[in-house]
Amino acid sequence: MILRKLRLANVGLYRGDQTLEFSQSRNAPVTLIGGKNGAGKTTLLNAIQLAFYGNRAKGLIGASSYPEYLHELIHRDRSKASVALEFERHEAGKAVRYLV
């Protein structure tokens, strides 16, 4: 599986629409994410878990309830948020793209 893009809208520290495009280069296939404490690195990782596992992700993240976790994800001055993850996997010898 190859991650392509992560789109966040009003999630955690990320106000408005934000997109993280993962490296597509064969020579540099790794995307490094760095920043100071509180900069949103863990929010990105939690968003990926949320996209893949939905309400089963709460056990991985440690929130007391799934609705509470979702409510806490919304940026402080917004009423709605969203997470979208685009990835690719090979099926029967072909690359197939998914958007969750």
PDB file of N, CA and C in Angstrom:
ATOM      1  N   MET A   1       0.843  -1.166   0.000  1.00  0.00           N
ATOM      2  CA  MET A   1       0.000   0.000   0.000  1.00  0.00           C
ATOM      3  C   MET A   1       0.895   1.238   0.000  1.00  0.00           C
ATOM      4  N   ILE A   2       0.513   2.221  -0.793  1.00  0.00           N
ATOM      5  CA  ILE A   2       1.271   3.468  -0.895  1.00  0.00           C
ATOM      6  C   ILE A   2       0.329   4.629  -0.603  1.00  0.00           C
ATOM      7  N   LEU A   3       0.660   5.404   0.422  1.00  0.00           N
ATOM      8  CA  LEU A   3      -0.137   6.590   0.738  1.00  0.00           C
ATOM      9  C   LEU A   3       0.171   7.673  -0.286  1.00  0.00           C
ATOM     10  N   ARG A   4      -0.860   8.345  -0.779  1.00  0.00           N
ATOM     11  CA  ARG A   4      -0.691   9.407  -1.775  1.00  0.00           C
ATOM     12  C   ARG A   4      -0.962  10.796  -1.197  1.00  0.00           C
ATOM     13  N   LYS A   5      -2.160  10.994  -0.603  1.00  0.00           N
ATOM     14  CA  LYS A   5      -2.533  12.317  -0.083  1.00  0.00           C
ATOM     15  C   LYS A   5      -3.372  12.172   1.169  1.00  0.00           C
ATOM     16  N   LEU A   6      -3.174  13.100   2.080  1.00  0.00           N
ATOM     17  CA  LEU A   6      -4.010  13.223   3.258  1.00  0.00           C
ATOM     18  C   LEU A   6      -4.601  14.618   3.233  1.00  0.00           C
ATOM     19  N   ARG A   7      -5.932  14.698   3.257  1.00  0.00           N
ATOM     20  CA  ARG A   7      -6.612  15.998   3.252  1.00  0.00           C
ATOM     21  C   ARG A   7      -7.343  16.176   4.573  1.00  0.00           C
ATOM     22  N   LEU A   8      -7.086  17.302   5.209  1.00  0.00           N
ATOM     23  CA  LEU A   8      -7.738  17.634   6.476  1.00  0.00           C
ATOM     24  C   LEU A   8      -8.512  18.929   6.311  1.00  0.00           C
ATOM     25  N   ALA A   9      -9.674  18.982   6.911  1.00  0.00           N
ATOM     26  CA  ALA A   9     -10.446  20.224   6.940  1.00  0.00           C
ATOM     27  C   ALA A   9     -10.849  20.466   8.389  1.00  0.00           C
ATOM     28  N   ASN A  10     -10.249  21.476   9.009  1.00  0.00           N
ATOM     29  CA  ASN A  10     -10.572  21.872  10.382  1.00  0.00           C
ATOM     30  C   ASN A  10     -10.364  20.743  11.384  1.00  0.00           C
ATOM     31  N   VAL A  11      -9.243  20.044  11.254  1.00  0.00           N
ATOM     32  CA  VAL A  11      -8.915  18.942  12.152  1.00  0.00           C
ATOM     33  C   VAL A  11      -7.769  19.364  13.061  1.00  0.00           C
ATOM     34  N   GLY A  12      -8.000  19.280  14.364  1.00  0.00           N
ATOM     35  CA  GLY A  12      -6.962  19.615  15.331  1.00  0.00           C
ATOM     36  C   GLY A  12      -6.442  21.025  15.131  1.00  0.00           C
ATOM     37  N   LEU A  13      -5.132  21.150  15.008  1.00  0.00           N
ATOM     38  CA  LEU A  13      -4.508  22.466  14.795  1.00  0.00           C
ATOM     39  C   LEU A  13      -4.690  22.988  13.381  1.00  0.00           C
ATOM     40  N   TYR A  14      -5.129  22.138  12.480  1.00  0.00           N
ATOM     41  CA  TYR A  14      -5.201  22.495  11.058  1.00  0.00           C
ATOM     42  C   TYR A  14      -6.543  23.144  10.720  1.00  0.00           C
ATOM     43  N   ARG A  15      -6.538  24.465  10.684  1.00  0.00           N
ATOM     44  CA  ARG A  15      -7.748  25.220  10.356  1.00  0.00           C
ATOM     45  C   ARG A  15      -7.881  25.328   8.841  1.00  0.00           C
ATOM     46  N   GLY A  16      -9.101  25.199   8.350  1.00  0.00           N
ATOM     47  CA  GLY A  16      -9.329  25.284   6.913  1.00  0.00           C
ATOM     48  C   GLY A  16      -8.911  23.990   6.230  1.00  0.00           C
ATOM     49  N   ASP A  17      -8.782  24.052   4.918  1.00  0.00           N
ATOM     50  CA  ASP A  17      -8.413  22.876   4.127  1.00  0.00           C
ATOM     51  C   ASP A  17      -6.894  22.784   3.996  1.00  0.00           C
ATOM     52  N   GLN A  18      -6.358  21.626   4.361  1.00  0.00           N
ATOM     53  CA  GLN A  18      -4.916  21.390   4.290  1.00  0.00           C
ATOM     54  C   GLN A  18      -4.688  20.056   3.593  1.00  0.00           C
ATOM     55  N   THR A  19      -3.660  19.969   2.752  1.00  0.00           N
ATOM     56  CA  THR A  19      -3.340  18.734   2.047  1.00  0.00           C
ATOM     57  C   THR A  19      -1.863  18.403   2.231  1.00  0.00           C
ATOM     58  N   LEU A  20      -1.606  17.155   2.587  1.00  0.00           N
ATOM     59  CA  LEU A  20      -0.245  16.642   2.674  1.00  0.00           C
ATOM     60  C   LEU A  20      -0.093  15.617   1.560  1.00  0.00           C
ATOM     61  N   GLU A  21       0.823  15.876   0.634  1.00  0.00           N
ATOM     62  CA  GLU A  21       1.092  14.932  -0.447  1.00  0.00           C
ATOM     63  C   GLU A  21       2.337  14.146  -0.080  1.00  0.00           C
ATOM     64  N   PHE A  22       2.207  12.825  -0.052  1.00  0.00           N
ATOM     65  CA  PHE A  22       3.326  11.964   0.282  1.00  0.00           C
ATOM     66  C   PHE A  22       4.236  11.804  -0.935  1.00  0.00           C
ATOM     67  N   SER A  23       5.500  11.540  -0.683  1.00  0.00           N
ATOM     68  CA  SER A  23       6.493  11.423  -1.753  1.00  0.00           C
ATOM     69  C   SER A  23       6.079  10.372  -2.775  1.00  0.00           C
ATOM     70  N   GLN A  24       6.239  10.711  -4.057  1.00  0.00           N
ATOM     71  CA  GLN A  24       5.947   9.795  -5.158  1.00  0.00           C
ATOM     72  C   GLN A  24       7.222   9.358  -5.866  1.00  0.00           C
ATOM     73  N   SER A  25       8.352   9.837  -5.403  1.00  0.00           N
ATOM     74  CA  SER A  25       9.635   9.599  -6.063  1.00  0.00           C
ATOM     75  C   SER A  25      10.174   8.197  -5.772  1.00  0.00           C
ATOM     76  N   ARG A  26      10.623   7.526  -6.808  1.00  0.00           N
ATOM     77  CA  ARG A  26      11.257   6.210  -6.625  1.00  0.00           C
ATOM     78  C   ARG A  26      12.603   6.367  -5.902  1.00  0.00           C
ATOM     79  N   ASN A  27      13.264   7.496  -6.116  1.00  0.00           N
ATOM     80  CA  ASN A  27      14.566   7.737  -5.495  1.00  0.00           C
ATOM     81  C   ASN A  27      14.454   8.177  -4.040  1.00  0.00           C
ATOM     82  N   ALA A  28      13.319   8.739  -3.661  1.00  0.00           N
ATOM     83  CA  ALA A  28      13.103   9.204  -2.295  1.00  0.00           C
ATOM     84  C   ALA A  28      11.666   8.859  -1.883  1.00  0.00           C
ATOM     85  N   PRO A  29      11.388   7.570  -1.615  1.00  0.00           N
ATOM     86  CA  PRO A  29      10.008   7.140  -1.376  1.00  0.00           C
ATOM     87  C   PRO A  29       9.490   7.375   0.039  1.00  0.00           C
ATOM     88  N   VAL A  30      10.215   8.118   0.844  1.00  0.00           N
ATOM     89  CA  VAL A  30       9.819   8.341   2.234  1.00  0.00           C
ATOM     90  C   VAL A  30       9.476   9.810   2.438  1.00  0.00           C
ATOM     91  N   THR A  31       8.384  10.059   3.153  1.00  0.00           N
ATOM     92  CA  THR A  31       8.015  11.416   3.528  1.00  0.00           C
ATOM     93  C   THR A  31       8.314  11.590   5.009  1.00  0.00           C
ATOM     94  N   LEU A  32       9.152  12.549   5.343  1.00  0.00           N
ATOM     95  CA  LEU A  32       9.470  12.839   6.741  1.00  0.00           C
ATOM     96  C   LEU A  32       8.600  13.979   7.220  1.00  0.00           C
ATOM     97  N   ILE A  33       8.073  13.832   8.422  1.00  0.00           N
ATOM     98  CA  ILE A  33       7.237  14.875   9.020  1.00  0.00           C
ATOM     99  C   ILE A  33       7.916  15.304  10.310  1.00  0.00           C
ATOM    100  N   GLY A  34       8.256  16.565  10.385  1.00  0.00           N
ATOM    101  CA  GLY A  34       8.934  17.081  11.568  1.00  0.00           C
ATOM    102  C   GLY A  34       8.290  18.359  12.048  1.00  0.00           C
ATOM    103  N   GLY A  35       8.573  18.721  13.267  1.00  0.00           N
ATOM    104  CA  GLY A  35       8.056  19.967  13.825  1.00  0.00           C
ATOM    105  C   GLY A  35       8.237  19.987  15.322  1.00  0.00           C
ATOM    106  N   LYS A  36       8.020  21.132  15.900  1.00  0.00           N
ATOM    107  CA  LYS A  36       8.124  21.292  17.350  1.00  0.00           C
ATOM    108  C   LYS A  36       6.962  20.582  18.036  1.00  0.00           C
ATOM    109  N   ASN A  37       7.096  20.406  19.344  1.00  0.00           N
ATOM    110  CA  ASN A  37       6.007  19.836  20.130  1.00  0.00           C
ATOM    111  C   ASN A  37       4.759  20.693  19.954  1.00  0.00           C
ATOM    112  N   GLY A  38       3.617  20.025  19.754  1.00  0.00           N
ATOM    113  CA  GLY A  38       2.358  20.742  19.591  1.00  0.00           C
ATOM    114  C   GLY A  38       2.116  21.266  18.191  1.00  0.00           C
ATOM    115  N   ALA A  39       2.958  20.879  17.220  1.00  0.00           N
ATOM    116  CA  ALA A  39       2.830  21.395  15.859  1.00  0.00           C
ATOM    117  C   ALA A  39       1.822  20.627  15.004  1.00  0.00           C
ATOM    118  N   GLY A  40       1.381  19.436  15.457  1.00  0.00           N
ATOM    119  CA  GLY A  40       0.366  18.694  14.711  1.00  0.00           C
ATOM    120  C   GLY A  40       0.839  17.399  14.073  1.00  0.00           C
ATOM    121  N   LYS A  41       2.027  16.922  14.422  1.00  0.00           N
ATOM    122  CA  LYS A  41       2.533  15.674  13.843  1.00  0.00           C
ATOM    123  C   LYS A  41       1.648  14.486  14.221  1.00  0.00           C
ATOM    124  N   THR A  42       1.301  14.384  15.483  1.00  0.00           N
ATOM    125  CA  THR A  42       0.459  13.286  15.952  1.00  0.00           C
ATOM    126  C   THR A  42      -0.937  13.383  15.358  1.00  0.00           C
ATOM    127  N   THR A  43      -1.436  14.581  15.154  1.00  0.00           N
ATOM    128  CA  THR A  43      -2.743  14.763  14.526  1.00  0.00           C
ATOM    129  C   THR A  43      -2.762  14.143  13.135  1.00  0.00           C
ATOM    130  N   LEU A  44      -1.680  14.303  12.384  1.00  0.00           N
ATOM    131  CA  LEU A  44      -1.592  13.695  11.049  1.00  0.00           C
ATOM    132  C   LEU A  44      -1.659  12.174  11.136  1.00  0.00           C
ATOM    133  N   LEU A  45      -0.909  11.603  12.062  1.00  0.00           N
ATOM    134  CA  LEU A  45      -0.912  10.145  12.220  1.00  0.00           C
ATOM    135  C   LEU A  45      -2.276   9.633  12.688  1.00  0.00           C
ATOM    136  N   ASN A  46      -2.895  10.353  13.632  1.00  0.00           N
ATOM    137  CA  ASN A  46      -4.226   9.963  14.104  1.00  0.00           C
ATOM    138  C   ASN A  46      -5.260  10.055  12.987  1.00  0.00           C
ATOM    139  N   ALA A  47      -5.121  11.042  12.107  1.00  0.00           N
ATOM    140  CA  ALA A  47      -6.053  11.191  10.979  1.00  0.00           C
ATOM    141  C   ALA A  47      -5.945  10.006  10.023  1.00  0.00           C
ATOM    142  N   ILE A  48      -4.733   9.517   9.810  1.00  0.00           N
ATOM    143  CA  ILE A  48      -4.547   8.332   8.954  1.00  0.00           C
ATOM    144  C   ILE A  48      -5.209   7.121   9.597  1.00  0.00           C
ATOM    145  N   GLN A  49      -5.005   6.933  10.900  1.00  0.00           N
ATOM    146  CA  GLN A  49      -5.654   5.823  11.612  1.00  0.00           C
ATOM    147  C   GLN A  49      -7.168   5.941  11.529  1.00  0.00           C
ATOM    148  N   LEU A  50      -7.681   7.134  11.694  1.00  0.00           N
ATOM    149  CA  LEU A  50      -9.118   7.362  11.640  1.00  0.00           C
ATOM    150  C   LEU A  50      -9.674   7.003  10.261  1.00  0.00           C
ATOM    151  N   ALA A  51      -8.959   7.396   9.202  1.00  0.00           N
ATOM    152  CA  ALA A  51      -9.419   7.083   7.842  1.00  0.00           C
ATOM    153  C   ALA A  51      -9.459   5.577   7.603  1.00  0.00           C
ATOM    154  N   PHE A  52      -8.460   4.866   8.084  1.00  0.00           N
ATOM    155  CA  PHE A  52      -8.403   3.424   7.859  1.00  0.00           C
ATOM    156  C   PHE A  52      -9.322   2.618   8.772  1.00  0.00           C
ATOM    157  N   TYR A  53      -9.440   3.023  10.036  1.00  0.00           N
ATOM    158  CA  TYR A  53     -10.115   2.185  11.024  1.00  0.00           C
ATOM    159  C   TYR A  53     -11.425   2.725  11.564  1.00  0.00           C
ATOM    160  N   GLY A  54     -11.745   3.998  11.285  1.00  0.00           N
ATOM    161  CA  GLY A  54     -13.012   4.555  11.762  1.00  0.00           C
ATOM    162  C   GLY A  54     -13.161   4.413  13.257  1.00  0.00           C
ATOM    163  N   ASN A  55     -14.325   3.909  13.709  1.00  0.00           N
ATOM    164  CA  ASN A  55     -14.566   3.838  15.153  1.00  0.00           C
ATOM    165  C   ASN A  55     -13.673   2.814  15.850  1.00  0.00           C
ATOM    166  N   ARG A  56     -13.036   1.943  15.117  1.00  0.00           N
ATOM    167  CA  ARG A  56     -12.080   1.014  15.729  1.00  0.00           C
ATOM    168  C   ARG A  56     -10.758   1.713  16.044  1.00  0.00           C
ATOM    169  N   ALA A  57     -10.528   2.892  15.485  1.00  0.00           N
ATOM    170  CA  ALA A  57      -9.289   3.636  15.744  1.00  0.00           C
ATOM    171  C   ALA A  57      -9.253   4.190  17.155  1.00  0.00           C
ATOM    172  N   LYS A  58     -10.402   4.389  17.769  1.00  0.00           N
ATOM    173  CA  LYS A  58     -10.413   5.002  19.101  1.00  0.00           C
ATOM    174  C   LYS A  58      -9.631   4.170  20.111  1.00  0.00           C
ATOM    175  N   GLY A  59      -9.634   2.845  19.955  1.00  0.00           N
ATOM    176  CA  GLY A  59      -8.844   2.003  20.840  1.00  0.00           C
ATOM    177  C   GLY A  59      -7.360   2.249  20.654  1.00  0.00           C
ATOM    178  N   LEU A  60      -6.969   2.529  19.422  1.00  0.00           N
ATOM    179  CA  LEU A  60      -5.570   2.806  19.144  1.00  0.00           C
ATOM    180  C   LEU A  60      -5.170   4.172  19.684  1.00  0.00           C
ATOM    181  N   ILE A  61      -6.097   5.096  19.680  1.00  0.00           N
ATOM    182  CA  ILE A  61      -5.799   6.472  20.044  1.00  0.00           C
ATOM    183  C   ILE A  61      -5.996   6.712  21.539  1.00  0.00           C
ATOM    184  N   GLY A  62      -6.908   5.986  22.166  1.00  0.00           N
ATOM    185  CA  GLY A  62      -7.085   6.086  23.604  1.00  0.00           C
ATOM    186  C   GLY A  62      -8.168   7.041  24.072  1.00  0.00           C
ATOM    187  N   ALA A  63      -9.067   7.463  23.216  1.00  0.00           N
ATOM    188  CA  ALA A  63     -10.169   8.339  23.632  1.00  0.00           C
ATOM    189  C   ALA A  63     -11.196   7.531  24.422  1.00  0.00           C
ATOM    190  N   SER A  64     -11.974   8.205  25.263  1.00  0.00           N
ATOM    191  CA  SER A  64     -12.952   7.489  26.079  1.00  0.00           C
ATOM    192  C   SER A  64     -14.150   7.010  25.259  1.00  0.00           C
ATOM    193  N   SER A  65     -14.571   7.774  24.249  1.00  0.00           N
ATOM    194  CA  SER A  65     -15.648   7.328  23.361  1.00  0.00           C
ATOM    195  C   SER A  65     -15.391   7.882  21.961  1.00  0.00           C
ATOM    196  N   TYR A  66     -15.911   7.177  20.979  1.00  0.00           N
ATOM    197  CA  TYR A  66     -15.694   7.598  19.586  1.00  0.00           C
ATOM    198  C   TYR A  66     -16.316   8.961  19.299  1.00  0.00           C
ATOM    199  N   PRO A  67     -17.595   9.211  19.671  1.00  0.00           N
ATOM    200  CA  PRO A  67     -18.156  10.551  19.429  1.00  0.00           C
ATOM    201  C   PRO A  67     -17.366  11.660  20.123  1.00  0.00           C
ATOM    202  N   GLU A  68     -16.890  11.386  21.327  1.00  0.00           N
ATOM    203  CA  GLU A  68     -16.092  12.382  22.048  1.00  0.00           C
ATOM    204  C   GLU A  68     -14.777  12.645  21.314  1.00  0.00           C
ATOM    205  N   TYR A  69     -14.157  11.585  20.836  1.00  0.00           N
ATOM    206  CA  TYR A  69     -12.918  11.735  20.082  1.00  0.00           C
ATOM    207  C   TYR A  69     -13.135  12.586  18.830  1.00  0.00           C
ATOM    208  N   LEU A  70     -14.210  12.285  18.085  1.00  0.00           N
ATOM    209  CA  LEU A  70     -14.500  13.061  16.877  1.00  0.00           C
ATOM    210  C   LEU A  70     -14.751  14.522  17.201  1.00  0.00           C
ATOM    211  N   HIS A  71     -15.493  14.772  18.286  1.00  0.00           N
ATOM    212  CA  HIS A  71     -15.778  16.154  18.689  1.00  0.00           C
ATOM    213  C   HIS A  71     -14.484  16.893  19.048  1.00  0.00           C
ATOM    214  N   GLU A  72     -13.579  16.204  19.732  1.00  0.00           N
ATOM    215  CA  GLU A  72     -12.308  16.828  20.128  1.00  0.00           C
ATOM    216  C   GLU A  72     -11.395  17.102  18.932  1.00  0.00           C
ATOM    217  N   LEU A  73     -11.605  16.405  17.826  1.00  0.00           N
ATOM    218  CA  LEU A  73     -10.783  16.607  16.629  1.00  0.00           C
ATOM    219  C   LEU A  73     -11.079  17.919  15.908  1.00  0.00           C
ATOM    220  N   ILE A  74     -12.284  18.444  16.074  1.00  0.00           N
ATOM    221  CA  ILE A  74     -12.696  19.643  15.337  1.00  0.00           C
ATOM    222  C   ILE A  74     -11.912  20.858  15.833  1.00  0.00           C
ATOM    223  N   HIS A  75     -11.395  21.635  14.899  1.00  0.00           N
ATOM    224  CA  HIS A  75     -10.661  22.860  15.235  1.00  0.00           C
ATOM    225  C   HIS A  75     -11.524  23.745  16.130  1.00  0.00           C
ATOM    226  N   ARG A  76     -10.909  24.410  17.060  1.00  0.00           N
ATOM    227  CA  ARG A  76     -11.612  25.101  18.156  1.00  0.00           C
ATOM    228  C   ARG A  76     -12.707  26.085  17.741  1.00  0.00           C
ATOM    229  N   ASP A  77     -12.590  26.748  16.590  1.00  0.00           N
ATOM    230  CA  ASP A  77     -13.620  27.740  16.238  1.00  0.00           C
ATOM    231  C   ASP A  77     -14.471  27.289  15.047  1.00  0.00           C
ATOM    232  N   ARG A  78     -14.513  26.001  14.796  1.00  0.00           N
ATOM    233  CA  ARG A  78     -15.298  25.459  13.682  1.00  0.00           C
ATOM    234  C   ARG A  78     -16.332  24.464  14.195  1.00  0.00           C
ATOM    235  N   SER A  79     -17.330  24.175  13.360  1.00  0.00           N
ATOM    236  CA  SER A  79     -18.374  23.238  13.775  1.00  0.00           C
ATOM    237  C   SER A  79     -18.292  21.896  13.054  1.00  0.00           C
ATOM    238  N   LYS A  80     -17.522  21.832  11.959  1.00  0.00           N
ATOM    239  CA  LYS A  80     -17.390  20.591  11.199  1.00  0.00           C
ATOM    240  C   LYS A  80     -15.936  20.363  10.819  1.00  0.00           C
ATOM    241  N   ALA A  81     -15.602  19.085  10.622  1.00  0.00           N
ATOM    242  CA  ALA A  81     -14.252  18.723  10.194  1.00  0.00           C
ATOM    243  C   ALA A  81     -14.343  17.486   9.311  1.00  0.00           C
ATOM    244  N   SER A  82     -13.288  17.246   8.528  1.00  0.00           N
ATOM    245  CA  SER A  82     -13.257  16.034   7.710  1.00  0.00           C
ATOM    246  C   SER A  82     -11.820  15.584   7.481  1.00  0.00           C
ATOM    247  N   VAL A  83     -11.700  14.274   7.212  1.00  0.00           N
ATOM    248  CA  VAL A  83     -10.418  13.646   6.899  1.00  0.00           C
ATOM    249  C   VAL A  83     -10.626  12.819   5.641  1.00  0.00           C
ATOM    250  N   ALA A  84      -9.719  12.939   4.683  1.00  0.00           N
ATOM    251  CA  ALA A  84      -9.758  12.109   3.475  1.00  0.00           C
ATOM    252  C   ALA A  84      -8.350  11.597   3.211  1.00  0.00           C
ATOM    253  N   LEU A  85      -8.260  10.316   2.877  1.00  0.00           N
ATOM    254  CA  LEU A  85      -6.969   9.708   2.607  1.00  0.00           C
ATOM    255  C   LEU A  85      -7.016   9.013   1.258  1.00  0.00           C
ATOM    256  N   GLU A  86      -6.063   9.348   0.414  1.00  0.00           N
ATOM    257  CA  GLU A  86      -5.943   8.696  -0.889  1.00  0.00           C
ATOM    258  C   GLU A  86      -4.736   7.763  -0.832  1.00  0.00           C
ATOM    259  N   PHE A  87      -4.959   6.513  -1.231  1.00  0.00           N
ATOM    260  CA  PHE A  87      -3.863   5.557  -1.241  1.00  0.00           C
ATOM    261  C   PHE A  87      -3.994   4.625  -2.434  1.00  0.00           C
ATOM    262  N   GLU A  88      -2.921   3.899  -2.683  1.00  0.00           N
ATOM    263  CA  GLU A  88      -2.862   2.994  -3.824  1.00  0.00           C
ATOM    264  C   GLU A  88      -2.385   1.629  -3.338  1.00  0.00           C
ATOM    265  N   ARG A  89      -2.977   0.588  -3.900  1.00  0.00           N
ATOM    266  CA  ARG A  89      -2.502  -0.761  -3.620  1.00  0.00           C
ATOM    267  C   ARG A  89      -2.573  -1.583  -4.891  1.00  0.00           C
ATOM    268  N   HIS A  90      -1.798  -2.619  -4.941  1.00  0.00           N
ATOM    269  CA  HIS A  90      -1.762  -3.469  -6.131  1.00  0.00           C
ATOM    270  C   HIS A  90      -2.715  -4.642  -5.940  1.00  0.00           C
ATOM    271  N   GLU A  91      -3.583  -4.813  -6.919  1.00  0.00           N
ATOM    272  CA  GLU A  91      -4.560  -5.902  -6.919  1.00  0.00           C
ATOM    273  C   GLU A  91      -4.494  -6.585  -8.269  1.00  0.00           C
ATOM    274  N   ALA A  92      -4.246  -7.878  -8.261  1.00  0.00           N
ATOM    275  CA  ALA A  92      -4.145  -8.656  -9.488  1.00  0.00           C
ATOM    276  C   ALA A  92      -3.170  -8.035 -10.489  1.00  0.00           C
ATOM    277  N   GLY A  93      -2.052  -7.536  -9.956  1.00  0.00           N
ATOM    278  CA  GLY A  93      -1.016  -6.982 -10.813  1.00  0.00           C
ATOM    279  C   GLY A  93      -1.248  -5.568 -11.286  1.00  0.00           C
ATOM    280  N   LYS A  94      -2.344  -4.930 -10.852  1.00  0.00           N
ATOM    281  CA  LYS A  94      -2.634  -3.552 -11.260  1.00  0.00           C
ATOM    282  C   LYS A  94      -2.700  -2.635 -10.045  1.00  0.00           C
ATOM    283  N   ALA A  95      -2.254  -1.392 -10.245  1.00  0.00           N
ATOM    284  CA  ALA A  95      -2.368  -0.396  -9.188  1.00  0.00           C
ATOM    285  C   ALA A  95      -3.794   0.148  -9.171  1.00  0.00           C
ATOM    286  N   VAL A  96      -4.409   0.103  -7.989  1.00  0.00           N
ATOM    287  CA  VAL A  96      -5.772   0.602  -7.825  1.00  0.00           C
ATOM    288  C   VAL A  96      -5.744   1.692  -6.768  1.00  0.00           C
ATOM    289  N   ARG A  97      -6.341   2.844  -7.076  1.00  0.00           N
ATOM    290  CA  ARG A  97      -6.367   3.966  -6.131  1.00  0.00           C
ATOM    291  C   ARG A  97      -7.693   3.991  -5.383  1.00  0.00           C
ATOM    292  N   TYR A  98      -7.608   4.347  -4.113  1.00  0.00           N
ATOM    293  CA  TYR A  98      -8.785   4.460  -3.258  1.00  0.00           C
ATOM    294  C   TYR A  98      -8.783   5.832  -2.598  1.00  0.00           C
ATOM    295  N   LEU A  99      -9.965   6.339  -2.334  1.00  0.00           N
ATOM    296  CA  LEU A  99     -10.138   7.560  -1.563  1.00  0.00           C
ATOM    297  C   LEU A  99     -11.113   7.252  -0.445  1.00  0.00           C
ATOM    298  N   VAL A 100     -10.626   7.385   0.788  1.00  0.00           N
ATOM    299  CA  VAL A 100     -11.440   7.101   1.973  1.00  0.00           C
ATOM    300  C   VAL A 100     -11.680   8.399   2.696  1.00  0.00           C
TER     301      VAL A 100
END
